[in-house]
C-alpha atoms as a PDB file:
ATOM      1  CA  UNK A   1      77.085  66.548 103.635  1.00  0.00           C
ATOM      2  CA  UNK A   2      74.863  69.733 102.846  1.00  0.00           C
ATOM      3  CA  UNK A   3      72.401  68.504 100.372  1.00  0.00           C
ATOM      4  CA  UNK A   4      71.761  70.459  97.265  1.00  0.00           C
ATOM      5  CA  UNK A   5      69.355  69.936  94.890  1.00  0.00           C
ATOM      6  CA  UNK A   6      71.285  71.345  92.121  1.00  0.00           C
ATOM      7  CA  UNK A   7      75.508  69.365  90.842  1.00  0.00           C
ATOM      8  CA  UNK A   8      77.477  72.043  89.988  1.00  0.00           C
ATOM      9  CA  UNK A   9      80.772  71.793  88.293  1.00  0.00           C
ATOM     10  CA  UNK A  10      83.648  73.749  90.735  1.00  0.00           C
ATOM     11  CA  UNK A  11      84.986  76.269  90.223  1.00  0.00           C
ATOM     12  CA  UNK A  12      81.379  78.137  90.611  1.00  0.00           C
ATOM     13  CA  UNK A  13      82.005  81.989  89.761  1.00  0.00           C
ATOM     14  CA  UNK A  14      79.298  84.756  89.831  1.00  0.00           C
ATOM     15  CA  UNK A  15      79.288  88.689  90.384  1.00  0.00           C
ATOM     16  CA  UNK A  16      79.319  90.207  93.509  1.00  0.00           C
ATOM     17  CA  UNK A  17      75.812  91.689  93.913  1.00  0.00           C
ATOM     18  CA  UNK A  18      74.283  88.043  92.511  1.00  0.00           C
ATOM     19  CA  UNK A  19      75.326  86.692  96.332  1.00  0.00           C
ATOM     20  CA  UNK A  20      71.736  85.901  97.850  1.00  0.00           C
ATOM     21  CA  UNK A  21      70.815  84.183  94.059  1.00  0.00           C
ATOM     22  CA  UNK A  22      70.001  81.323  93.648  1.00  0.00           C
ATOM     23  CA  UNK A  23      72.543  80.108  90.727  1.00  0.00           C
ATOM     24  CA  UNK A  24      72.211  77.194  88.181  1.00  0.00           C
ATOM     25  CA  UNK A  25      74.910  76.038  85.879  1.00  0.00           C
ATOM     26  CA  UNK A  26      73.650  75.238  81.926  1.00  0.00           C
ATOM     27  CA  UNK A  27      77.362  75.820  80.466  1.00  0.00           C
ATOM     28  CA  UNK A  28      80.429  74.853  82.520  1.00  0.00           C
ATOM     29  CA  UNK A  29      83.105  76.751  81.226  1.00  0.00           C
ATOM     30  CA  UNK A  30      83.864  79.447  78.694  1.00  0.00           C
ATOM     31  CA  UNK A  31      83.403  79.185  74.795  1.00  0.00           C
ATOM     32  CA  UNK A  32      86.184  81.721  74.719  1.00  0.00           C
ATOM     33  CA  UNK A  33      88.403  81.308  77.194  1.00  0.00           C
ATOM     34  CA  UNK A  34      91.648  82.737  75.461  1.00  0.00           C
ATOM     35  CA  UNK A  35      91.329  85.821  77.210  1.00  0.00           C
ATOM     36  CA  UNK A  36      95.150  86.461  78.374  1.00  0.00           C
ATOM     37  CA  UNK A  37      94.035  88.479  81.343  1.00  0.00           C
ATOM     38  CA  UNK A  38      91.023  85.545  82.769  1.00  0.00           C
ATOM     39  CA  UNK A  39      92.198  82.128  84.467  1.00  0.00           C
ATOM     40  CA  UNK A  40      88.242  81.706  85.608  1.00  0.00           C
ATOM     41  CA  UNK A  41      87.902  79.170  83.907  1.00  0.00           C
ATOM     42  CA  UNK A  42      91.343  77.367  82.596  1.00  0.00           C
ATOM     43  CA  UNK A  43      90.733  74.069  84.065  1.00  0.00           C
ATOM     44  CA  UNK A  44      87.477  73.370  82.563  1.00  0.00           C
ATOM     45  CA  UNK A  45      86.877  71.888  79.345  1.00  0.00           C
ATOM     46  CA  UNK A  46      83.273  73.990  77.839  1.00  0.00           C
ATOM     47  CA  UNK A  47      80.762  72.372  77.473  1.00  0.00           C
ATOM     48  CA  UNK A  48      76.389  72.831  77.717  1.00  0.00           C
ATOM     49  CA  UNK A  49      74.232  71.401  80.004  1.00  0.00           C
ATOM     50  CA  UNK A  50      71.456  69.374  78.495  1.00  0.00           C
ATOM     51  CA  UNK A  51      67.981  71.006  79.284  1.00  0.00           C
ATOM     52  CA  UNK A  52      66.564  68.309  80.114  1.00  0.00           C
ATOM     53  CA  UNK A  53      68.926  68.255  83.258  1.00  0.00           C
ATOM     54  CA  UNK A  54      68.499  71.792  83.457  1.00  0.00           C
ATOM     55  CA  UNK A  55      64.939  71.882  84.002  1.00  0.00           C
ATOM     56  CA  UNK A  56      64.977  69.058  87.053  1.00  0.00           C
ATOM     57  CA  UNK A  57      66.886  71.392  89.009  1.00  0.00           C
ATOM     58  CA  UNK A  58      65.034  73.307  88.749  1.00  0.00           C
ATOM     59  CA  UNK A  59      61.715  71.329  89.628  1.00  0.00           C
ATOM     60  CA  UNK A  60      63.698  69.818  92.682  1.00  0.00           C
ATOM     61  CA  UNK A  61      64.901  72.848  93.823  1.00  0.00           C
ATOM     62  CA  UNK A  62      61.934  74.828  93.524  1.00  0.00           C
ATOM     63  CA  UNK A  63      60.724  71.618  96.244  1.00  0.00           C
ATOM     64  CA  UNK A  64      63.025  73.368  98.890  1.00  0.00           C
ATOM     65  CA  UNK A  65      63.658  77.368  97.319  1.00  0.00           C
ATOM     66  CA  UNK A  66      60.249  77.827  97.202  1.00  0.00           C
ATOM     67  CA  UNK A  67      60.483  81.058  97.697  1.00  0.00           C
ATOM     68  CA  UNK A  68      63.736  82.152  95.340  1.00  0.00           C
ATOM     69  CA  UNK A  69      63.322  85.764  93.687  1.00  0.00           C
ATOM     70  CA  UNK A  70      66.465  85.933  91.955  1.00  0.00           C
ATOM     71  CA  UNK A  71      68.767  83.561  89.748  1.00  0.00           C
ATOM     72  CA  UNK A  72      71.924  83.769  87.691  1.00  0.00           C
ATOM     73  CA  UNK A  73      72.562  81.392  84.689  1.00  0.00           C
ATOM     74  CA  UNK A  74      76.178  80.322  85.365  1.00  0.00           C
ATOM     75  CA  UNK A  75      78.656  79.330  83.684  1.00  0.00           C
ATOM     76  CA  UNK A  76      80.984  82.159  81.982  1.00  0.00           C
ATOM     77  CA  UNK A  77      78.643  83.151  79.049  1.00  0.00           C
ATOM     78  CA  UNK A  78      74.870  80.979  79.244  1.00  0.00           C
ATOM     79  CA  UNK A  79      74.060  83.448  76.279  1.00  0.00           C
ATOM     80  CA  UNK A  80      75.950  81.161  73.346  1.00  0.00           C
ATOM     81  CA  UNK A  81      72.720  78.687  74.038  1.00  0.00           C
ATOM     82  CA  UNK A  82      69.527  79.323  71.628  1.00  0.00           C
ATOM     83  CA  UNK A  83      66.577  81.622  72.499  1.00  0.00           C
ATOM     84  CA  UNK A  84      65.007  78.915  72.384  1.00  0.00           C
ATOM     85  CA  UNK A  85      66.917  77.077  75.003  1.00  0.00           C
ATOM     86  CA  UNK A  86      66.959  79.853  77.124  1.00  0.00           C
ATOM     87  CA  UNK A  87      63.302  80.599  76.486  1.00  0.00           C
ATOM     88  CA  UNK A  88      61.981  77.032  77.562  1.00  0.00           C
ATOM     89  CA  UNK A  89      64.180  77.610  81.459  1.00  0.00           C
ATOM     90  CA  UNK A  90      63.223  80.770  81.389  1.00  0.00           C
ATOM     91  CA  UNK A  91      59.897  79.700  81.123  1.00  0.00           C
ATOM     92  CA  UNK A  92      60.600  76.860  83.570  1.00  0.00           C
ATOM     93  CA  UNK A  93      61.970  79.680  86.003  1.00  0.00           C
ATOM     94  CA  UNK A  94      59.312  81.482  86.122  1.00  0.00           C
ATOM     95  CA  UNK A  95      56.340  78.744  86.557  1.00  0.00           C
ATOM     96  CA  UNK A  96      58.296  77.026  89.308  1.00  0.00           C
ATOM     97  CA  UNK A  97      59.515  79.829  91.480  1.00  0.00           C
ATOM     98  CA  UNK A  98      56.076  82.547  91.420  1.00  0.00           C
ATOM     99  CA  UNK A  99      58.256  85.135  93.596  1.00  0.00           C
ATOM    100  CA  UNK A 100      61.067  85.059  90.745  1.00  0.00           C
ATOM    101  CA  UNK A 101      62.095  89.193  89.769  1.00  0.00           C
ATOM    102  CA  UNK A 102      64.449  88.654  87.831  1.00  0.00           C
ATOM    103  CA  UNK A 103      67.617  86.324  86.279  1.00  0.00           C
ATOM    104  CA  UNK A 104      70.218  87.378  85.184  1.00  0.00           C
ATOM    105  CA  UNK A 105      73.606  86.129  83.893  1.00  0.00           C
ATOM    106  CA  UNK A 106      77.491  86.705  82.356  1.00  0.00           C
ATOM    107  CA  UNK A 107      76.866  88.106  78.572  1.00  0.00           C
ATOM    108  CA  UNK A 108      79.858  88.394  76.024  1.00  0.00           C
ATOM    109  CA  UNK A 109      79.211  90.063  73.550  1.00  0.00           C
ATOM    110  CA  UNK A 110      79.882  87.864  70.525  1.00  0.00           C
ATOM    111  CA  UNK A 111      77.028  85.674  72.150  1.00  0.00           C
ATOM    112  CA  UNK A 112      74.865  88.881  72.180  1.00  0.00           C
ATOM    113  CA  UNK A 113      76.214  89.077  68.453  1.00  0.00           C
ATOM    114  CA  UNK A 114      74.242  85.645  67.274  1.00  0.00           C
ATOM    115  CA  UNK A 115      70.973  86.586  68.732  1.00  0.00           C
ATOM    116  CA  UNK A 116      68.334  90.073  67.262  1.00  0.00           C
ATOM    117  CA  UNK A 117      66.858  92.372  69.306  1.00  0.00           C
ATOM    118  CA  UNK A 118      63.384  90.821  68.578  1.00  0.00           C
ATOM    119  CA  UNK A 119      65.103  87.619  70.424  1.00  0.00           C
ATOM    120  CA  UNK A 120      66.221  89.927  73.152  1.00  0.00           C
ATOM    121  CA  UNK A 121      63.186  91.252  74.126  1.00  0.00           C
ATOM    122  CA  UNK A 122      61.597  87.809  74.262  1.00  0.00           C
ATOM    123  CA  UNK A 123      64.267  86.580  76.281  1.00  0.00           C
ATOM    124  CA  UNK A 124      63.677  90.125  78.710  1.00  0.00           C
ATOM    125  CA  UNK A 125      59.966  89.207  78.763  1.00  0.00           C
ATOM    126  CA  UNK A 126      60.778  85.741  80.111  1.00  0.00           C
ATOM    127  CA  UNK A 127      62.059  87.084  82.709  1.00  0.00           C
ATOM    128  CA  UNK A 128      66.214  88.219  81.731  1.00  0.00           C
ATOM    129  CA  UNK A 129      66.550  91.404  83.421  1.00  0.00           C
ATOM    130  CA  UNK A 130      70.473  92.291  83.870  1.00  0.00           C
ATOM    131  CA  UNK A 131      73.482  90.775  82.204  1.00  0.00           C
ATOM    132  CA  UNK A 132      77.226  91.059  83.140  1.00  0.00           C
ATOM    133  CA  UNK A 133      79.603  91.787  80.740  1.00  0.00           C
ATOM    134  CA  UNK A 134      83.088  92.288  81.253  1.00  0.00           C
ATOM    135  CA  UNK A 135      84.206  94.813  78.280  1.00  0.00           C
ATOM    136  CA  UNK A 136      87.434  94.718  80.189  1.00  0.00           C
ATOM    137  CA  UNK A 137      88.762  97.766  77.968  1.00  0.00           C
ATOM    138  CA  UNK A 138      87.228 100.323  74.915  1.00  0.00           C
ATOM    139  CA  UNK A 139      90.684 100.536  73.451  1.00  0.00           C
ATOM    140  CA  UNK A 140      90.814  98.971  70.413  1.00  0.00           C
ATOM    141  CA  UNK A 141      94.471  97.780  70.253  1.00  0.00           C
ATOM    142  CA  UNK A 142      94.158  96.269  74.310  1.00  0.00           C
ATOM    143  CA  UNK A 143      91.410  94.210  73.374  1.00  0.00           C
ATOM    144  CA  UNK A 144      93.621  92.262  70.492  1.00  0.00           C
ATOM    145  CA  UNK A 145      96.996  92.045  72.986  1.00  0.00           C
ATOM    146  CA  UNK A 146      95.073  90.266  76.164  1.00  0.00           C
ATOM    147  CA  UNK A 147      92.945  88.451  73.066  1.00  0.00           C
ATOM    148  CA  UNK A 148      89.397  89.762  74.077  1.00  0.00           C
ATOM    149  CA  UNK A 149      88.130  88.451  70.919  1.00  0.00           C
ATOM    150  CA  UNK A 150      86.024  91.704  70.355  1.00  0.00           C
ATOM    151  CA  UNK A 151      86.110  95.118  68.741  1.00  0.00           C
ATOM    152  CA  UNK A 152      85.096  97.866  70.273  1.00  0.00           C
ATOM    153  CA  UNK A 153      82.373  98.322  67.066  1.00  0.00           C
ATOM    154  CA  UNK A 154      81.427  94.943  68.065  1.00  0.00           C
ATOM    155  CA  UNK A 155      80.876  95.949  72.354  1.00  0.00           C
ATOM    156  CA  UNK A 156      78.970  99.033  71.430  1.00  0.00           C
ATOM    157  CA  UNK A 157      76.415  97.370  69.111  1.00  0.00           C
ATOM    158  CA  UNK A 158      75.464  94.868  71.052  1.00  0.00           C
ATOM    159  CA  UNK A 159      75.353  96.502  74.326  1.00  0.00           C
ATOM    160  CA  UNK A 160      73.297  99.031  72.788  1.00  0.00           C
ATOM    161  CA  UNK A 161      71.317  96.595  71.131  1.00  0.00           C
ATOM    162  CA  UNK A 162      70.305  94.296  74.658  1.00  0.00           C
ATOM    163  CA  UNK A 163      69.663  97.893  76.415  1.00  0.00           C
ATOM    164  CA  UNK A 164      67.285  99.105  73.076  1.00  0.00           C
ATOM    165  CA  UNK A 165      65.110  95.388  74.009  1.00  0.00           C
ATOM    166  CA  UNK A 166      65.166  96.547  77.775  1.00  0.00           C
ATOM    167  CA  UNK A 167      67.673  94.365  79.247  1.00  0.00           C
ATOM    168  CA  UNK A 168      69.793  96.366  81.756  1.00  0.00           C
ATOM    169  CA  UNK A 169      74.022  96.138  81.267  1.00  0.00           C
ATOM    170  CA  UNK A 170      76.175  95.885  84.055  1.00  0.00           C
ATOM    171  CA  UNK A 171      79.833  96.697  82.687  1.00  0.00           C
ATOM    172  CA  UNK A 172      83.365  96.131  84.090  1.00  0.00           C
ATOM    173  CA  UNK A 173      86.573  97.959  83.053  1.00  0.00           C
ATOM    174  CA  UNK A 174      90.232  96.135  83.991  1.00  0.00           C
ATOM    175  CA  UNK A 175      92.551  98.186  85.885  1.00  0.00           C
ATOM    176  CA  UNK A 176      96.198  98.145  84.938  1.00  0.00           C
ATOM    177  CA  UNK A 177      94.863  95.803  82.151  1.00  0.00           C
ATOM    178  CA  UNK A 178      97.693  97.192  79.900  1.00  0.00           C
ATOM    179  CA  UNK A 179     100.355  97.845  82.215  1.00  0.00           C
ATOM    180  CA  UNK A 180     102.309 101.727  82.147  1.00  0.00           C
ATOM    181  CA  UNK A 181     102.799 101.483  78.520  1.00  0.00           C
ATOM    182  CA  UNK A 182      99.248 101.557  77.465  1.00  0.00           C
ATOM    183  CA  UNK A 183      97.740 102.796  80.375  1.00  0.00           C
ATOM    184  CA  UNK A 184      97.053 106.431  79.221  1.00  0.00           C
ATOM    185  CA  UNK A 185      94.805 104.929  76.449  1.00  0.00           C
ATOM    186  CA  UNK A 186      93.526 102.032  78.430  1.00  0.00           C
ATOM    187  CA  UNK A 187      91.426 104.816  80.411  1.00  0.00           C
ATOM    188  CA  UNK A 188      90.704 107.473  77.994  1.00  0.00           C
ATOM    189  CA  UNK A 189      89.121 104.960  75.385  1.00  0.00           C
ATOM    190  CA  UNK A 190      87.465 102.890  78.027  1.00  0.00           C
ATOM    191  CA  UNK A 191      86.038 106.146  79.246  1.00  0.00           C
ATOM    192  CA  UNK A 192      84.526 107.051  75.968  1.00  0.00           C
ATOM    193  CA  UNK A 193      83.160 103.549  75.613  1.00  0.00           C
ATOM    194  CA  UNK A 194      81.267 103.631  78.527  1.00  0.00           C
ATOM    195  CA  UNK A 195      79.866 106.875  77.901  1.00  0.00           C
ATOM    196  CA  UNK A 196      78.115 105.634  74.717  1.00  0.00           C
ATOM    197  CA  UNK A 197      77.045 102.497  76.138  1.00  0.00           C
ATOM    198  CA  UNK A 198      75.748 104.735  79.285  1.00  0.00           C
ATOM    199  CA  UNK A 199      75.718 101.486  81.454  1.00  0.00           C
ATOM    200  CA  UNK A 200      72.832 100.540  83.931  1.00  0.00           C
ATOM    201  CA  UNK A 201      75.782  99.662  86.112  1.00  0.00           C
ATOM    202  CA  UNK A 202      79.879  99.960  86.136  1.00  0.00           C
ATOM    203  CA  UNK A 203      82.425  98.452  88.223  1.00  0.00           C
ATOM    204  CA  UNK A 204      85.729  98.608  87.810  1.00  0.00           C
ATOM    205  CA  UNK A 205      88.276  95.901  88.842  1.00  0.00           C
ATOM    206  CA  UNK A 206      92.439  95.685  89.919  1.00  0.00           C
ATOM    207  CA  UNK A 207      94.521  92.699  87.023  1.00  0.00           C
ATOM    208  CA  UNK A 208      95.249  90.262  88.681  1.00  0.00           C
ATOM    209  CA  UNK A 209      97.927  87.842  88.925  1.00  0.00           C
ATOM    210  CA  UNK A 210      96.307  84.453  89.633  1.00  0.00           C
ATOM    211  CA  UNK A 211      99.658  82.348  88.433  1.00  0.00           C
ATOM    212  CA  UNK A 212     102.128  84.728  88.931  1.00  0.00           C
ATOM    213  CA  UNK A 213     102.684  88.532  86.387  1.00  0.00           C
ATOM    214  CA  UNK A 214     105.237  86.241  83.700  1.00  0.00           C
ATOM    215  CA  UNK A 215     102.447  84.050  83.373  1.00  0.00           C
ATOM    216  CA  UNK A 216     100.307  87.205  82.509  1.00  0.00           C
ATOM    217  CA  UNK A 217     103.195  88.628  80.321  1.00  0.00           C
ATOM    218  CA  UNK A 218     103.362  85.076  78.104  1.00  0.00           C
ATOM    219  CA  UNK A 219      99.762  85.577  77.688  1.00  0.00           C
ATOM    220  CA  UNK A 220      99.802  89.700  76.690  1.00  0.00           C
ATOM    221  CA  UNK A 221     100.525  89.993  72.951  1.00  0.00           C
ATOM    222  CA  UNK A 222     102.546  93.453  73.803  1.00  0.00           C
ATOM    223  CA  UNK A 223     104.783  94.838  76.319  1.00  0.00           C
ATOM    224  CA  UNK A 224     103.557  94.853  80.015  1.00  0.00           C
ATOM    225  CA  UNK A 225     105.309  96.414  82.414  1.00  0.00           C
ATOM    226  CA  UNK A 226     103.268  95.503  86.644  1.00  0.00           C
ATOM    227  CA  UNK A 227     101.768  99.362  87.642  1.00  0.00           C
ATOM    228  CA  UNK A 228     101.841 100.101  91.100  1.00  0.00           C
ATOM    229  CA  UNK A 229      99.296 100.788  92.946  1.00  0.00           C
ATOM    230  CA  UNK A 230      99.094 104.285  93.553  1.00  0.00           C
ATOM    231  CA  UNK A 231      99.665 104.118  89.190  1.00  0.00           C
ATOM    232  CA  UNK A 232      96.503 102.250  89.420  1.00  0.00           C
ATOM    233  CA  UNK A 233      94.960 104.901  91.331  1.00  0.00           C
ATOM    234  CA  UNK A 234      96.050 107.204  89.024  1.00  0.00           C
ATOM    235  CA  UNK A 235      94.762 105.410  85.900  1.00  0.00           C
ATOM    236  CA  UNK A 236      91.362 105.172  87.264  1.00  0.00           C
ATOM    237  CA  UNK A 237      91.197 108.728  88.888  1.00  0.00           C
ATOM    238  CA  UNK A 238      91.865 109.422  84.874  1.00  0.00           C
ATOM    239  CA  UNK A 239      89.212 107.250  83.644  1.00  0.00           C
ATOM    240  CA  UNK A 240      86.483 108.803  86.262  1.00  0.00           C
ATOM    241  CA  UNK A 241      87.424 112.259  84.619  1.00  0.00           C
ATOM    242  CA  UNK A 242      87.197 111.577  81.222  1.00  0.00           C
ATOM    243  CA  UNK A 243      83.596 109.713  81.215  1.00  0.00           C
ATOM    244  CA  UNK A 244      80.297 111.103  80.838  1.00  0.00           C
ATOM    245  CA  UNK A 245      77.329 109.402  82.654  1.00  0.00           C
ATOM    246  CA  UNK A 246      74.000 110.561  83.466  1.00  0.00           C
ATOM    247  CA  UNK A 247      72.951 107.939  85.890  1.00  0.00           C
ATOM    248  CA  UNK A 248      75.336 105.078  86.286  1.00  0.00           C
ATOM    249  CA  UNK A 249      75.693 103.487  89.544  1.00  0.00           C
ATOM    250  CA  UNK A 250      79.388 102.293  90.168  1.00  0.00           C
ATOM    251  CA  UNK A 251      81.051 100.609  92.054  1.00  0.00           C
ATOM    252  CA  UNK A 252      84.585 100.048  93.027  1.00  0.00           C
ATOM    253  CA  UNK A 253      84.508  98.036  96.283  1.00  0.00           C
ATOM    254  CA  UNK A 254      86.285  94.354  94.957  1.00  0.00           C
ATOM    255  CA  UNK A 255      88.184  92.997  96.935  1.00  0.00           C
ATOM    256  CA  UNK A 256      90.629  93.966  94.277  1.00  0.00           C
ATOM    257  CA  UNK A 257      90.534  97.601  94.337  1.00  0.00           C
ATOM    258  CA  UNK A 258      92.633  99.752  96.463  1.00  0.00           C
ATOM    259  CA  UNK A 259      89.691 102.460  97.329  1.00  0.00           C
ATOM    260  CA  UNK A 260      86.784 101.578  97.745  1.00  0.00           C
ATOM    261  CA  UNK A 261      84.355 103.678  95.676  1.00  0.00           C
ATOM    262  CA  UNK A 262      80.626 104.050  95.539  1.00  0.00           C
ATOM    263  CA  UNK A 263      78.102 106.490  93.775  1.00  0.00           C
ATOM    264  CA  UNK A 264      76.167 107.047  90.833  1.00  0.00           C
ATOM    265  CA  UNK A 265      78.082 108.430  87.632  1.00  0.00           C
ATOM    266  CA  UNK A 266      76.648 111.295  86.864  1.00  0.00           C
ATOM    267  CA  UNK A 267      75.903 113.073  89.676  1.00  0.00           C
ATOM    268  CA  UNK A 268      78.684 111.654  92.144  1.00  0.00           C
ATOM    269  CA  UNK A 269      82.011 112.369  89.663  1.00  0.00           C
ATOM    270  CA  UNK A 270      83.408 114.922  91.598  1.00  0.00           C
ATOM    271  CA  UNK A 271      83.422 113.059  95.358  1.00  0.00           C
ATOM    272  CA  UNK A 272      84.697 110.087  93.778  1.00  0.00           C
ATOM    273  CA  UNK A 273      87.658 111.714  92.135  1.00  0.00           C
ATOM    274  CA  UNK A 274      88.524 113.335  95.251  1.00  0.00           C
ATOM    275  CA  UNK A 275      88.891 110.232  97.282  1.00  0.00           C
ATOM    276  CA  UNK A 276      91.160 109.137  95.011  1.00  0.00           C
ATOM    277  CA  UNK A 277      93.365 111.599  95.103  1.00  0.00           C
ATOM    278  CA  UNK A 278      93.250 112.369  98.522  1.00  0.00           C
ATOM    279  CA  UNK A 279      93.962 108.413  98.872  1.00  0.00           C
ATOM    280  CA  UNK A 280      96.556 109.482  95.715  1.00  0.00           C
ATOM    281  CA  UNK A 281      98.611 112.174  98.152  1.00  0.00           C
ATOM    282  CA  UNK A 282      97.822 110.295 101.598  1.00  0.00           C
ATOM    283  CA  UNK A 283      98.764 106.813 100.562  1.00  0.00           C
ATOM    284  CA  UNK A 284      98.802 105.822 104.360  1.00  0.00           C
ATOM    285  CA  UNK A 285      95.713 107.193 105.916  1.00  0.00           C
ATOM    286  CA  UNK A 286      94.018 104.688 105.885  1.00  0.00           C
ATOM    287  CA  UNK A 287      91.587 105.270 103.286  1.00  0.00           C
ATOM    288  CA  UNK A 288      93.525 102.038 101.275  1.00  0.00           C
ATOM    289  CA  UNK A 289      92.816  98.707 102.599  1.00  0.00           C
ATOM    290  CA  UNK A 290      95.617  97.631 104.676  1.00  0.00           C
ATOM    291  CA  UNK A 291      97.089  95.281 102.916  1.00  0.00           C
ATOM    292  CA  UNK A 292      97.666  97.388  99.780  1.00  0.00           C
ATOM    293  CA  UNK A 293      99.397  99.586 102.093  1.00  0.00           C
ATOM    294  CA  UNK A 294     102.000  97.579 102.743  1.00  0.00           C
ATOM    295  CA  UNK A 295     103.081  97.483  99.312  1.00  0.00           C
ATOM    296  CA  UNK A 296     103.181 101.177  98.367  1.00  0.00           C
END
């Protein structure tokens, strides 16, 4: 058995870019946990880990991993914690890991709503450098249909507030979220919202159905028709073509994506769109992941 100074409540999730970060689980599950598309935390009841337990885990972990440079605070929305508690945790991390350069976490806009820009600045100065926010879509109707619990206004307002406080933002759009009926408005309005926010990082994932399409349809509050691989790429192409970003690092290289895309939006738009054009016109060319070619 491998020793770990931290006791995790599985399953444990983190963004792909946090693969080499030390993870401290300050909350368990997600306080909202009602989104139609998300099954990540449905096996858990939301709980807040006691501050003493978190501080103790940090102190113990520092005895074994003194060179930690990056830390990720799990689970789904650690930002639900009070600013005071988060500052205590961040200060302990800085004390215990002298080489620490960045702390990051998932965040919901609802949690950001409850923190002033001054509080967010305090958290930034204490080491919270990056938040990951799944906005999923910039379409008002679709946000309601998937029971996201957010509005376009709340997303824009709170992410801009975080950025003004100096916290970098990494946002995610969910390709295929509305199916065929809502595809165009999903792509167009998602492009509009990211163009307003101008996130530091932007990624797209493809809607998945871990419990089957029918399970998703039961939770989706509208008419849903699953899109095929070509239609999903066409939606992504339309989304990219409508964005107006100046310097956003873009990644569409998650395991769910059919074409691996990497670039900087504002510089590489034409290259990325050309890659998608080619993949759509030549679906068996090898640019698609092999497992998705079988689904064409």
